[in-house]
Amino acid sequence: MSGKRSPARRPTMKDIARHAGVSQSAVSFALNGRPGVSEDTRDRVRRVAEELGWRPSTAARALSGEGAATVGFVLARPADTLGVDSFFLQLVSGIQEVLAERHLGLLFQVVEDIADECAVYRRWWAEHRVDGVLVVDPRTDDPRPDLLDELGLPAVVIGGAPDDRHPGLSTVWADDAGAMASVVDGLYALGHRRIVHIAGLPGLAHTERRIRTLRAEAGRRGLSEVQSVTTDYSDAEGAAVTRRVLEGPTPPTALIYDNDVMAVAGAATAAELGFSVPADVSVVSWEDSALCRIVKPWLSALSRDSVEFGRTAARELTALLDGGSARAVRVPVPRLIERGSTGVARDA
């Protein structure tokens, strides 16, 4: 006997017609909301379809111009950094929650760079694979908005800024500048004058906004020993940069990390080097997560509802799919939660 299983047979319109006692054309009219059948027949056909577990074919929907019932999400980041990134896990959870309510699928793909991401959009568009896309990590020089507008593919940019919004695309954004200003305010009040921001990927719009804001806040206060250093968001680079700056001739008294993974790695590295947190160096994480609460001391962090961020983005995309206009939607500013990793600067 062969161990190969035959695939389960899916119910068809022919099956529905047989069970409902109508023609296949009547089934087609009823299920596609077209005139030509009575309301009683339409209700009977839909009831039988539900009982049989019938669902429309995505390929057939695309060919008929009715859409693919699928949303695309492409991520151009190093694949080995994603498994520990709490922000993206929570973001996708929120997205999926809203899409599931609408019986929409999520097609997810990881690629090497923006050029590959653009190629995926072109392929999806040509193959009618998706009805719209969610775009993350907007760049300072970003080819994606123009491409998506050219393709006529509905899209929502997550993490963009309203001033940079492409008129054909919606944007869901958080005030990174306001969040960074609140962190600097808190550290300055504790006497910190030497601050290093261990940032994420260079070229990302939100990375550049945070760097610009830190520079502006430092200039406003006359602080000359403040800098940002970009990384790939990984724990390895977070630890390496922490080691480099703390072993310098004038080590910082405060470190701001662009995610929780780097913050935890940085705090561990500081301890290895003999720096006490927060007596010698204060640590702030841009993202709050369980990681920030399983180390000692607990890490001060910027807290935001990343799941709701994902829900908001998905709702804006479904609104576009329903024929709504593109717009910019702001989510609440991340809130600084002060815990045991921040304290008065040692030389205050």
C-alpha atoms as a PDB file:
ATOM      1  CA  MET A   1       0.000   0.000   0.000  1.00  0.00           C
ATOM      2  CA  SER A   2       1.183   3.458  -0.802  1.00  0.00           C
ATOM      3  CA  GLY A   3       1.667   5.826   2.122  1.00  0.00           C
ATOM      4  CA  LYS A   4       0.683   8.822   0.017  1.00  0.00           C
ATOM      5  CA  ARG A   5      -2.596  10.434   0.993  1.00  0.00           C
ATOM      6  CA  SER A   6      -5.060  11.833  -1.519  1.00  0.00           C
ATOM      7  CA  PRO A   7      -5.914  15.481  -0.865  1.00  0.00           C
ATOM      8  CA  ALA A   8      -9.346  16.136   0.612  1.00  0.00           C
ATOM      9  CA  ARG A   9     -11.918  17.070  -1.990  1.00  0.00           C
ATOM     10  CA  ARG A  10     -13.166  20.633  -1.699  1.00  0.00           C
ATOM     11  CA  PRO A  11     -16.883  21.321  -2.190  1.00  0.00           C
ATOM     12  CA  THR A  12     -17.711  22.976  -5.513  1.00  0.00           C
ATOM     13  CA  MET A  13     -20.537  25.044  -6.920  1.00  0.00           C
ATOM     14  CA  LYS A  14     -21.778  21.859  -8.582  1.00  0.00           C
ATOM     15  CA  ASP A  15     -22.113  20.236  -5.145  1.00  0.00           C
ATOM     16  CA  ILE A  16     -24.011  23.245  -3.830  1.00  0.00           C
ATOM     17  CA  ALA A  17     -26.349  23.191  -6.848  1.00  0.00           C
ATOM     18  CA  ARG A  18     -27.097  19.497  -6.307  1.00  0.00           C
ATOM     19  CA  HIS A  19     -27.832  19.916  -2.589  1.00  0.00           C
ATOM     20  CA  ALA A  20     -29.874  23.084  -3.078  1.00  0.00           C
ATOM     21  CA  GLY A  21     -31.808  21.737  -6.058  1.00  0.00           C
ATOM     22  CA  VAL A  22     -30.880  24.627  -8.380  1.00  0.00           C
ATOM     23  CA  SER A  23     -28.668  25.176 -11.425  1.00  0.00           C
ATOM     24  CA  GLN A  24     -24.972  26.040 -11.218  1.00  0.00           C
ATOM     25  CA  SER A  25     -25.677  29.444 -12.766  1.00  0.00           C
ATOM     26  CA  ALA A  26     -28.199  30.137  -9.993  1.00  0.00           C
ATOM     27  CA  VAL A  27     -25.524  29.233  -7.414  1.00  0.00           C
ATOM     28  CA  SER A  28     -23.074  31.627  -9.075  1.00  0.00           C
ATOM     29  CA  PHE A  29     -25.643  34.448  -9.059  1.00  0.00           C
ATOM     30  CA  ALA A  30     -26.538  33.807  -5.422  1.00  0.00           C
ATOM     31  CA  LEU A  31     -23.007  33.573  -4.046  1.00  0.00           C
ATOM     32  CA  ASN A  32     -21.694  36.575  -5.986  1.00  0.00           C
ATOM     33  CA  GLY A  33     -24.576  38.850  -5.042  1.00  0.00           C
ATOM     34  CA  ARG A  34     -25.823  39.244  -8.602  1.00  0.00           C
ATOM     35  CA  PRO A  35     -29.424  39.633  -9.738  1.00  0.00           C
ATOM     36  CA  GLY A  36     -31.225  36.743 -11.413  1.00  0.00           C
ATOM     37  CA  VAL A  37     -32.387  34.671  -8.448  1.00  0.00           C
ATOM     38  CA  SER A  38     -35.048  35.215  -5.785  1.00  0.00           C
ATOM     39  CA  GLU A  39     -34.101  36.112  -2.211  1.00  0.00           C
ATOM     40  CA  ASP A  40     -35.411  32.740  -1.025  1.00  0.00           C
ATOM     41  CA  THR A  41     -33.127  30.947  -3.490  1.00  0.00           C
ATOM     42  CA  ARG A  42     -30.183  33.160  -2.554  1.00  0.00           C
ATOM     43  CA  ASP A  43     -30.679  32.406   1.152  1.00  0.00           C
ATOM     44  CA  ARG A  44     -31.020  28.652   0.496  1.00  0.00           C
ATOM     45  CA  VAL A  45     -27.864  28.559  -1.640  1.00  0.00           C
ATOM     46  CA  ARG A  46     -25.839  30.470   0.945  1.00  0.00           C
ATOM     47  CA  ARG A  47     -27.081  28.200   3.725  1.00  0.00           C
ATOM     48  CA  VAL A  48     -26.114  25.065   1.788  1.00  0.00           C
ATOM     49  CA  ALA A  49     -22.703  26.577   0.932  1.00  0.00           C
ATOM     50  CA  GLU A  50     -22.061  27.232   4.615  1.00  0.00           C
ATOM     51  CA  GLU A  51     -23.134  23.711   5.596  1.00  0.00           C
ATOM     52  CA  LEU A  52     -20.801  22.188   2.997  1.00  0.00           C
ATOM     53  CA  GLY A  53     -17.880  24.401   4.073  1.00  0.00           C
ATOM     54  CA  TRP A  54     -17.562  26.013   0.641  1.00  0.00           C
ATOM     55  CA  ARG A  55     -15.216  28.992   0.266  1.00  0.00           C
ATOM     56  CA  PRO A  56     -14.504  31.030  -2.873  1.00  0.00           C
ATOM     57  CA  SER A  57     -11.271  30.183  -4.704  1.00  0.00           C
ATOM     58  CA  THR A  58      -8.693  32.949  -4.282  1.00  0.00           C
ATOM     59  CA  ALA A  59      -7.370  32.361  -7.784  1.00  0.00           C
ATOM     60  CA  ALA A  60     -10.876  32.561  -9.236  1.00  0.00           C
ATOM     61  CA  ARG A  61     -11.584  35.764  -7.301  1.00  0.00           C
ATOM     62  CA  ALA A  62      -8.410  37.340  -8.691  1.00  0.00           C
ATOM     63  CA  LEU A  63      -9.194  36.317 -12.269  1.00  0.00           C
ATOM     64  CA  SER A  64     -12.697  37.731 -11.998  1.00  0.00           C
ATOM     65  CA  GLY A  65     -11.384  41.019 -10.605  1.00  0.00           C
ATOM     66  CA  GLU A  66     -12.896  40.459  -7.161  1.00  0.00           C
ATOM     67  CA  GLY A  67      -9.579  40.480  -5.300  1.00  0.00           C
ATOM     68  CA  ALA A  68      -7.323  37.899  -3.695  1.00  0.00           C
ATOM     69  CA  ALA A  69      -8.668  38.213  -0.116  1.00  0.00           C
ATOM     70  CA  THR A  70      -5.019  38.525   0.953  1.00  0.00           C
ATOM     71  CA  VAL A  71      -2.837  41.317   2.304  1.00  0.00           C
ATOM     72  CA  GLY A  72       0.931  41.413   1.731  1.00  0.00           C
ATOM     73  CA  PHE A  73       3.675  42.205   4.253  1.00  0.00           C
ATOM     74  CA  VAL A  74       7.336  42.248   3.155  1.00  0.00           C
ATOM     75  CA  LEU A  75      10.178  42.766   5.618  1.00  0.00           C
ATOM     76  CA  ALA A  76      13.642  43.772   4.402  1.00  0.00           C
ATOM     77  CA  ARG A  77      15.699  43.054   7.513  1.00  0.00           C
ATOM     78  CA  PRO A  78      18.271  40.443   8.517  1.00  0.00           C
ATOM     79  CA  ALA A  79      16.240  37.286   9.124  1.00  0.00           C
ATOM     80  CA  ASP A  80      18.299  36.308  12.189  1.00  0.00           C
ATOM     81  CA  THR A  81      17.224  39.473  14.052  1.00  0.00           C
ATOM     82  CA  LEU A  82      13.481  38.842  13.752  1.00  0.00           C
ATOM     83  CA  GLY A  83      13.010  35.970  16.178  1.00  0.00           C
ATOM     84  CA  VAL A  84      13.847  38.127  19.191  1.00  0.00           C
ATOM     85  CA  ASP A  85      12.163  41.361  18.045  1.00  0.00           C
ATOM     86  CA  SER A  86       9.119  41.770  20.283  1.00  0.00           C
ATOM     87  CA  PHE A  87       7.816  44.808  18.381  1.00  0.00           C
ATOM     88  CA  PHE A  88       7.256  42.934  15.116  1.00  0.00           C
ATOM     89  CA  LEU A  89       5.719  39.918  16.839  1.00  0.00           C
ATOM     90  CA  GLN A  90       3.172  42.142  18.571  1.00  0.00           C
ATOM     91  CA  LEU A  91       2.611  44.273  15.467  1.00  0.00           C
ATOM     92  CA  VAL A  92       1.800  41.198  13.363  1.00  0.00           C
ATOM     93  CA  SER A  93      -0.511  39.895  16.117  1.00  0.00           C
ATOM     94  CA  GLY A  94      -2.561  43.078  15.909  1.00  0.00           C
ATOM     95  CA  ILE A  95      -2.611  43.000  12.112  1.00  0.00           C
ATOM     96  CA  GLN A  96      -3.709  39.377  12.008  1.00  0.00           C
ATOM     97  CA  GLU A  97      -6.490  39.988  14.535  1.00  0.00           C
ATOM     98  CA  VAL A  98      -8.168  42.577  12.281  1.00  0.00           C
ATOM     99  CA  LEU A  99      -7.584  40.643   9.056  1.00  0.00           C
ATOM    100  CA  ALA A 100      -9.096  37.504  10.579  1.00  0.00           C
ATOM    101  CA  GLU A 101     -12.298  39.423  11.333  1.00  0.00           C
ATOM    102  CA  ARG A 102     -12.530  40.195   7.620  1.00  0.00           C
ATOM    103  CA  HIS A 103     -11.518  36.662   6.522  1.00  0.00           C
ATOM    104  CA  LEU A 104      -8.404  38.118   4.878  1.00  0.00           C
ATOM    105  CA  GLY A 105      -5.128  36.200   4.717  1.00  0.00           C
ATOM    106  CA  LEU A 106      -1.659  37.616   5.418  1.00  0.00           C
ATOM    107  CA  LEU A 107       1.131  36.818   2.942  1.00  0.00           C
ATOM    108  CA  PHE A 108       4.473  37.423   4.692  1.00  0.00           C
ATOM    109  CA  GLN A 109       7.912  37.420   3.084  1.00  0.00           C
ATOM    110  CA  VAL A 110      11.412  38.313   4.322  1.00  0.00           C
ATOM    111  CA  VAL A 111      13.877  39.693   1.760  1.00  0.00           C
ATOM    112  CA  GLU A 112      17.443  40.955   1.702  1.00  0.00           C
ATOM    113  CA  ASP A 113      16.910  44.600   0.751  1.00  0.00           C
ATOM    114  CA  ILE A 114      14.539  47.235  -0.613  1.00  0.00           C
ATOM    115  CA  ALA A 115      15.269  46.305  -4.242  1.00  0.00           C
ATOM    116  CA  ASP A 116      14.082  42.753  -3.519  1.00  0.00           C
ATOM    117  CA  GLU A 117      11.043  44.127  -1.689  1.00  0.00           C
ATOM    118  CA  CYS A 118      10.076  46.219  -4.734  1.00  0.00           C
ATOM    119  CA  ALA A 119      10.486  43.157  -6.946  1.00  0.00           C
ATOM    120  CA  VAL A 120       8.082  41.235  -4.681  1.00  0.00           C
ATOM    121  CA  TYR A 121       5.469  44.004  -4.995  1.00  0.00           C
ATOM    122  CA  ARG A 122       5.738  43.926  -8.781  1.00  0.00           C
ATOM    123  CA  ARG A 123       5.349  40.156  -8.823  1.00  0.00           C
ATOM    124  CA  TRP A 124       2.413  40.137  -6.413  1.00  0.00           C
ATOM    125  CA  TRP A 125       0.679  42.835  -8.444  1.00  0.00           C
ATOM    126  CA  ALA A 126       1.231  40.998 -11.760  1.00  0.00           C
ATOM    127  CA  GLU A 127       0.008  37.710 -10.286  1.00  0.00           C
ATOM    128  CA  HIS A 128      -2.999  39.261  -8.466  1.00  0.00           C
ATOM    129  CA  ARG A 129      -1.634  37.732  -5.261  1.00  0.00           C
ATOM    130  CA  VAL A 130      -2.646  40.521  -2.852  1.00  0.00           C
ATOM    131  CA  ASP A 131      -5.281  43.243  -2.604  1.00  0.00           C
ATOM    132  CA  GLY A 132      -3.039  45.637  -0.679  1.00  0.00           C
ATOM    133  CA  VAL A 133       0.154  45.805   1.359  1.00  0.00           C
ATOM    134  CA  LEU A 134       1.431  46.964   4.723  1.00  0.00           C
ATOM    135  CA  VAL A 135       4.790  48.736   4.439  1.00  0.00           C
ATOM    136  CA  VAL A 136       7.224  48.946   7.347  1.00  0.00           C
ATOM    137  CA  ASP A 137      10.566  50.625   7.996  1.00  0.00           C
ATOM    138  CA  PRO A 138      10.109  53.729   5.789  1.00  0.00           C
ATOM    139  CA  ARG A 139      13.435  55.016   4.503  1.00  0.00           C
ATOM    140  CA  THR A 140      14.757  58.551   4.158  1.00  0.00           C
ATOM    141  CA  ASP A 141      15.166  57.930   0.412  1.00  0.00           C
ATOM    142  CA  ASP A 142      12.404  55.412  -0.264  1.00  0.00           C
ATOM    143  CA  PRO A 143      11.399  54.127  -3.726  1.00  0.00           C
ATOM    144  CA  ARG A 144       8.432  52.107  -2.456  1.00  0.00           C
ATOM    145  CA  PRO A 145       5.685  54.784  -2.205  1.00  0.00           C
ATOM    146  CA  ASP A 146       6.108  55.852  -5.845  1.00  0.00           C
ATOM    147  CA  LEU A 147       6.176  52.222  -6.993  1.00  0.00           C
ATOM    148  CA  LEU A 148       3.024  51.302  -5.075  1.00  0.00           C
ATOM    149  CA  ASP A 149       1.263  54.395  -6.388  1.00  0.00           C
ATOM    150  CA  GLU A 150       2.319  53.486  -9.937  1.00  0.00           C
ATOM    151  CA  LEU A 151       0.982  49.944  -9.482  1.00  0.00           C
ATOM    152  CA  GLY A 152      -2.230  51.246  -7.939  1.00  0.00           C
ATOM    153  CA  LEU A 153      -1.740  48.875  -5.000  1.00  0.00           C
ATOM    154  CA  PRO A 154      -3.476  50.109  -1.816  1.00  0.00           C
ATOM    155  CA  ALA A 155      -0.913  50.500   0.971  1.00  0.00           C
ATOM    156  CA  VAL A 156      -0.449  51.696   4.528  1.00  0.00           C
ATOM    157  CA  VAL A 157       2.996  52.847   5.674  1.00  0.00           C
ATOM    158  CA  ILE A 158       3.658  51.909   9.297  1.00  0.00           C
ATOM    159  CA  GLY A 159       5.969  54.311  11.102  1.00  0.00           C
ATOM    160  CA  GLY A 160       6.055  57.063   8.511  1.00  0.00           C
ATOM    161  CA  ALA A 161       5.685  60.756   9.242  1.00  0.00           C
ATOM    162  CA  PRO A 162       2.696  62.837   8.106  1.00  0.00           C
ATOM    163  CA  ASP A 163       4.974  65.428   6.469  1.00  0.00           C
ATOM    164  CA  ASP A 164       6.548  62.730   4.288  1.00  0.00           C
ATOM    165  CA  ARG A 165       3.301  60.970   3.400  1.00  0.00           C
ATOM    166  CA  HIS A 166       2.723  60.067  -0.223  1.00  0.00           C
ATOM    167  CA  PRO A 167      -0.717  61.414  -1.202  1.00  0.00           C
ATOM    168  CA  GLY A 168      -1.901  58.003  -2.439  1.00  0.00           C
ATOM    169  CA  LEU A 169      -0.898  56.037   0.652  1.00  0.00           C
ATOM    170  CA  SER A 170      -2.151  56.012   4.228  1.00  0.00           C
ATOM    171  CA  THR A 171       0.285  56.392   7.117  1.00  0.00           C
ATOM    172  CA  VAL A 172       0.086  55.227  10.719  1.00  0.00           C
ATOM    173  CA  TRP A 173       2.702  57.057  12.743  1.00  0.00           C
ATOM    174  CA  ALA A 174       4.066  57.574  16.237  1.00  0.00           C
ATOM    175  CA  ASP A 175       5.782  60.734  17.461  1.00  0.00           C
ATOM    176  CA  ASP A 176       9.373  59.482  17.711  1.00  0.00           C
ATOM    177  CA  ALA A 177      10.613  63.034  18.225  1.00  0.00           C
ATOM    178  CA  GLY A 178       8.316  63.583  21.201  1.00  0.00           C
ATOM    179  CA  ALA A 179       9.297  60.224  22.686  1.00  0.00           C
ATOM    180  CA  MET A 180      13.027  60.940  22.390  1.00  0.00           C
ATOM    181  CA  ALA A 181      12.531  64.392  23.898  1.00  0.00           C
ATOM    182  CA  SER A 182      10.793  62.831  26.917  1.00  0.00           C
ATOM    183  CA  VAL A 183      13.713  60.429  27.462  1.00  0.00           C
ATOM    184  CA  VAL A 184      16.285  63.233  27.254  1.00  0.00           C
ATOM    185  CA  ASP A 185      14.196  65.360  29.630  1.00  0.00           C
ATOM    186  CA  GLY A 186      14.152  62.543  32.172  1.00  0.00           C
ATOM    187  CA  LEU A 187      17.872  61.823  31.932  1.00  0.00           C
ATOM    188  CA  TYR A 188      18.821  65.505  32.034  1.00  0.00           C
ATOM    189  CA  ALA A 189      16.755  65.977  35.184  1.00  0.00           C
ATOM    190  CA  LEU A 190      18.797  63.170  36.778  1.00  0.00           C
ATOM    191  CA  GLY A 191      22.030  65.038  36.004  1.00  0.00           C
ATOM    192  CA  HIS A 192      23.132  63.095  32.908  1.00  0.00           C
ATOM    193  CA  ARG A 193      25.265  65.126  30.508  1.00  0.00           C
ATOM    194  CA  ARG A 194      27.093  62.343  28.614  1.00  0.00           C
ATOM    195  CA  ILE A 195      24.481  60.304  26.743  1.00  0.00           C
ATOM    196  CA  VAL A 196      24.917  57.726  23.979  1.00  0.00           C
ATOM    197  CA  HIS A 197      22.008  56.619  21.830  1.00  0.00           C
ATOM    198  CA  ILE A 198      22.601  53.103  20.483  1.00  0.00           C
ATOM    199  CA  ALA A 199      20.312  53.322  17.472  1.00  0.00           C
ATOM    200  CA  GLY A 200      18.868  50.905  14.943  1.00  0.00           C
ATOM    201  CA  LEU A 201      19.496  50.580  11.228  1.00  0.00           C
ATOM    202  CA  PRO A 202      20.866  53.661   9.461  1.00  0.00           C
ATOM    203  CA  GLY A 203      18.670  55.103   6.726  1.00  0.00           C
ATOM    204  CA  LEU A 204      15.386  54.195   8.429  1.00  0.00           C
ATOM    205  CA  ALA A 205      13.187  57.266   8.748  1.00  0.00           C
ATOM    206  CA  HIS A 206      12.421  56.691  12.433  1.00  0.00           C
ATOM    207  CA  THR A 207      16.118  56.120  13.222  1.00  0.00           C
ATOM    208  CA  GLU A 208      16.991  59.433  11.594  1.00  0.00           C
ATOM    209  CA  ARG A 209      14.146  61.234  13.430  1.00  0.00           C
ATOM    210  CA  ARG A 210      15.391  59.956  16.772  1.00  0.00           C
ATOM    211  CA  ILE A 211      18.978  60.935  15.971  1.00  0.00           C
ATOM    212  CA  ARG A 212      17.930  64.428  14.857  1.00  0.00           C
ATOM    213  CA  THR A 213      15.811  64.926  17.965  1.00  0.00           C
ATOM    214  CA  LEU A 214      18.594  63.810  20.302  1.00  0.00           C
ATOM    215  CA  ARG A 215      20.972  66.210  18.569  1.00  0.00           C
ATOM    216  CA  ALA A 216      18.467  69.059  18.824  1.00  0.00           C
ATOM    217  CA  GLU A 217      17.704  68.389  22.487  1.00  0.00           C
ATOM    218  CA  ALA A 218      21.418  68.235  23.274  1.00  0.00           C
ATOM    219  CA  GLY A 219      22.038  71.507  21.417  1.00  0.00           C
ATOM    220  CA  ARG A 220      19.192  73.212  23.259  1.00  0.00           C
ATOM    221  CA  ARG A 221      20.805  72.289  26.576  1.00  0.00           C
ATOM    222  CA  GLY A 222      24.399  72.950  25.530  1.00  0.00           C
ATOM    223  CA  LEU A 223      25.428  69.289  25.822  1.00  0.00           C
ATOM    224  CA  SER A 224      28.525  68.465  23.767  1.00  0.00           C
ATOM    225  CA  GLU A 225      29.056  64.822  24.830  1.00  0.00           C
ATOM    226  CA  VAL A 226      25.955  63.306  23.272  1.00  0.00           C
ATOM    227  CA  GLN A 227      26.036  61.001  20.249  1.00  0.00           C
ATOM    228  CA  SER A 228      24.138  58.306  18.325  1.00  0.00           C
ATOM    229  CA  VAL A 229      25.677  55.090  16.974  1.00  0.00           C
ATOM    230  CA  THR A 230      23.730  52.969  14.466  1.00  0.00           C
ATOM    231  CA  THR A 231      23.505  49.148  14.602  1.00  0.00           C
ATOM    232  CA  ASP A 232      21.545  46.274  13.025  1.00  0.00           C
ATOM    233  CA  TYR A 233      19.272  45.974  16.118  1.00  0.00           C
ATOM    234  CA  SER A 234      20.947  42.726  17.190  1.00  0.00           C
ATOM    235  CA  ASP A 235      22.095  41.847  20.697  1.00  0.00           C
ATOM    236  CA  ALA A 236      25.613  41.266  19.338  1.00  0.00           C
ATOM    237  CA  GLU A 237      25.969  44.785  17.926  1.00  0.00           C
ATOM    238  CA  GLY A 238      24.238  46.286  20.940  1.00  0.00           C
ATOM    239  CA  ALA A 239      26.801  44.628  23.200  1.00  0.00           C
ATOM    240  CA  ALA A 240      29.746  45.556  20.948  1.00  0.00           C
ATOM    241  CA  VAL A 241      28.843  49.255  20.807  1.00  0.00           C
ATOM    242  CA  THR A 242      28.212  49.300  24.562  1.00  0.00           C
ATOM    243  CA  ARG A 243      31.662  47.873  25.182  1.00  0.00           C
ATOM    244  CA  ARG A 244      33.271  50.395  22.842  1.00  0.00           C
ATOM    245  CA  VAL A 245      31.699  53.485  24.392  1.00  0.00           C
ATOM    246  CA  LEU A 246      32.126  52.378  28.003  1.00  0.00           C
ATOM    247  CA  GLU A 247      35.819  51.592  27.444  1.00  0.00           C
ATOM    248  CA  GLY A 248      36.395  55.065  25.997  1.00  0.00           C
ATOM    249  CA  PRO A 249      38.241  57.835  27.856  1.00  0.00           C
ATOM    250  CA  THR A 250      35.017  59.568  28.985  1.00  0.00           C
ATOM    251  CA  PRO A 251      32.327  56.891  29.203  1.00  0.00           C
ATOM    252  CA  PRO A 252      28.686  57.988  29.062  1.00  0.00           C
ATOM    253  CA  THR A 253      26.559  58.073  32.180  1.00  0.00           C
ATOM    254  CA  ALA A 254      23.400  57.117  30.262  1.00  0.00           C
ATOM    255  CA  LEU A 255      22.638  54.757  27.364  1.00  0.00           C
ATOM    256  CA  ILE A 256      19.475  54.806  25.230  1.00  0.00           C
ATOM    257  CA  TYR A 257      18.858  51.666  23.152  1.00  0.00           C
ATOM    258  CA  ASP A 258      16.501  51.499  20.170  1.00  0.00           C
ATOM    259  CA  ASN A 259      15.068  48.127  21.215  1.00  0.00           C
ATOM    260  CA  ASP A 260      14.747  45.859  24.228  1.00  0.00           C
ATOM    261  CA  VAL A 261      17.126  43.173  22.950  1.00  0.00           C
ATOM    262  CA  MET A 262      20.039  45.600  22.655  1.00  0.00           C
ATOM    263  CA  ALA A 263      19.194  47.159  26.022  1.00  0.00           C
ATOM    264  CA  VAL A 264      19.348  43.816  27.819  1.00  0.00           C
ATOM    265  CA  ALA A 265      22.606  42.904  26.039  1.00  0.00           C
ATOM    266  CA  GLY A 266      24.031  46.335  26.831  1.00  0.00           C
ATOM    267  CA  ALA A 267      23.170  46.127  30.533  1.00  0.00           C
ATOM    268  CA  ALA A 268      24.852  42.707  30.729  1.00  0.00           C
ATOM    269  CA  THR A 269      27.948  44.060  28.968  1.00  0.00           C
ATOM    270  CA  ALA A 270      28.128  47.026  31.339  1.00  0.00           C
ATOM    271  CA  ALA A 271      28.057  44.626  34.308  1.00  0.00           C
ATOM    272  CA  GLU A 272      30.846  42.537  32.742  1.00  0.00           C
ATOM    273  CA  LEU A 273      32.966  45.671  32.479  1.00  0.00           C
ATOM    274  CA  GLY A 274      32.395  46.498  36.141  1.00  0.00           C
ATOM    275  CA  PHE A 275      29.807  49.240  35.636  1.00  0.00           C
ATOM    276  CA  SER A 276      26.899  49.181  38.061  1.00  0.00           C
ATOM    277  CA  VAL A 277      23.424  49.936  36.667  1.00  0.00           C
ATOM    278  CA  PRO A 278      22.268  52.583  37.506  1.00  0.00           C
ATOM    279  CA  ALA A 279      24.972  53.823  39.894  1.00  0.00           C
ATOM    280  CA  ASP A 280      27.588  54.130  37.121  1.00  0.00           C
ATOM    281  CA  VAL A 281      25.450  54.118  33.995  1.00  0.00           C
ATOM    282  CA  SER A 282      21.698  54.425  33.417  1.00  0.00           C
ATOM    283  CA  VAL A 283      19.960  52.322  30.761  1.00  0.00           C
ATOM    284  CA  VAL A 284      16.751  53.074  28.819  1.00  0.00           C
ATOM    285  CA  SER A 285      15.090  50.768  26.288  1.00  0.00           C
ATOM    286  CA  TRP A 286      13.005  52.228  23.462  1.00  0.00           C
ATOM    287  CA  GLU A 287      10.712  49.161  23.496  1.00  0.00           C
ATOM    288  CA  ASP A 288       9.160  47.710  26.633  1.00  0.00           C
ATOM    289  CA  SER A 289       8.705  43.943  26.848  1.00  0.00           C
ATOM    290  CA  ALA A 290       8.985  41.007  29.221  1.00  0.00           C
ATOM    291  CA  LEU A 291      12.754  41.079  28.587  1.00  0.00           C
ATOM    292  CA  CYS A 292      12.954  44.436  30.367  1.00  0.00           C
ATOM    293  CA  ARG A 293      11.345  42.873  33.458  1.00  0.00           C
ATOM    294  CA  ILE A 294      13.363  39.659  33.773  1.00  0.00           C
ATOM    295  CA  VAL A 295      16.759  41.339  34.252  1.00  0.00           C
ATOM    296  CA  LYS A 296      18.002  43.014  37.405  1.00  0.00           C
ATOM    297  CA  PRO A 297      17.472  45.848  37.781  1.00  0.00           C
ATOM    298  CA  TRP A 298      14.307  46.093  35.673  1.00  0.00           C
ATOM    299  CA  LEU A 299      14.914  48.353  32.691  1.00  0.00           C
ATOM    300  CA  SER A 300      13.309  51.753  32.270  1.00  0.00           C
ATOM    301  CA  ALA A 301      11.564  51.720  28.907  1.00  0.00           C
ATOM    302  CA  LEU A 302       9.325  53.528  26.477  1.00  0.00           C
ATOM    303  CA  SER A 303       6.025  51.685  26.486  1.00  0.00           C
ATOM    304  CA  ARG A 304       3.506  51.582  23.659  1.00  0.00           C
ATOM    305  CA  ASP A 305       0.724  49.264  22.592  1.00  0.00           C
ATOM    306  CA  SER A 306       2.364  47.579  19.602  1.00  0.00           C
ATOM    307  CA  VAL A 307      -0.580  45.206  19.139  1.00  0.00           C
ATOM    308  CA  GLU A 308      -2.946  48.185  18.815  1.00  0.00           C
ATOM    309  CA  PHE A 309      -0.440  49.782  16.404  1.00  0.00           C
ATOM    310  CA  GLY A 310      -0.884  46.692  14.206  1.00  0.00           C
ATOM    311  CA  ARG A 311      -4.675  46.778  14.564  1.00  0.00           C
ATOM    312  CA  THR A 312      -4.754  50.431  13.533  1.00  0.00           C
ATOM    313  CA  ALA A 313      -2.604  49.790  10.451  1.00  0.00           C
ATOM    314  CA  ALA A 314      -4.775  46.841   9.381  1.00  0.00           C
ATOM    315  CA  ARG A 315      -7.972  48.855   9.879  1.00  0.00           C
ATOM    316  CA  GLU A 316      -6.593  51.666   7.721  1.00  0.00           C
ATOM    317  CA  LEU A 317      -5.727  49.190   4.967  1.00  0.00           C
ATOM    318  CA  THR A 318      -9.158  47.557   5.029  1.00  0.00           C
ATOM    319  CA  ALA A 319     -10.665  51.049   4.846  1.00  0.00           C
ATOM    320  CA  LEU A 320      -8.661  51.657   1.648  1.00  0.00           C
ATOM    321  CA  LEU A 321      -9.816  48.305   0.276  1.00  0.00           C
ATOM    322  CA  ASP A 322     -13.389  49.411   0.972  1.00  0.00           C
ATOM    323  CA  GLY A 323     -12.859  52.515  -1.154  1.00  0.00           C
ATOM    324  CA  GLY A 324     -11.861  54.990   1.570  1.00  0.00           C
ATOM    325  CA  SER A 325      -9.420  57.864   1.099  1.00  0.00           C
ATOM    326  CA  ALA A 326      -5.769  57.763   2.146  1.00  0.00           C
ATOM    327  CA  ARG A 327      -4.973  59.588   5.375  1.00  0.00           C
ATOM    328  CA  ALA A 328      -2.456  59.933   8.216  1.00  0.00           C
ATOM    329  CA  VAL A 329      -3.349  58.458  11.607  1.00  0.00           C
ATOM    330  CA  ARG A 330      -1.340  59.132  14.732  1.00  0.00           C
ATOM    331  CA  VAL A 331      -1.056  56.607  17.546  1.00  0.00           C
ATOM    332  CA  PRO A 332      -0.295  57.675  21.153  1.00  0.00           C
ATOM    333  CA  VAL A 333       3.236  58.826  21.995  1.00  0.00           C
ATOM    334  CA  PRO A 334       5.277  56.066  23.688  1.00  0.00           C
ATOM    335  CA  ARG A 335       5.325  56.677  27.448  1.00  0.00           C
ATOM    336  CA  LEU A 336       8.503  56.489  29.526  1.00  0.00           C
ATOM    337  CA  ILE A 337       8.202  54.019  32.421  1.00  0.00           C
ATOM    338  CA  GLU A 338      10.982  54.640  34.931  1.00  0.00           C
ATOM    339  CA  ARG A 339      12.280  51.545  36.680  1.00  0.00           C
ATOM    340  CA  GLY A 340      15.449  50.500  38.452  1.00  0.00           C
ATOM    341  CA  SER A 341      17.902  51.019  35.565  1.00  0.00           C
ATOM    342  CA  THR A 342      17.833  54.834  35.665  1.00  0.00           C
ATOM    343  CA  GLY A 343      19.155  56.962  38.494  1.00  0.00           C
ATOM    344  CA  VAL A 344      21.059  60.112  39.358  1.00  0.00           C
ATOM    345  CA  ALA A 345      24.270  60.512  37.337  1.00  0.00           C
ATOM    346  CA  ARG A 346      27.365  59.618  39.331  1.00  0.00           C
ATOM    347  CA  ASP A 347      29.029  62.984  38.614  1.00  0.00           C
ATOM    348  CA  ALA A 348      25.885  65.091  38.964  1.00  0.00           C
END
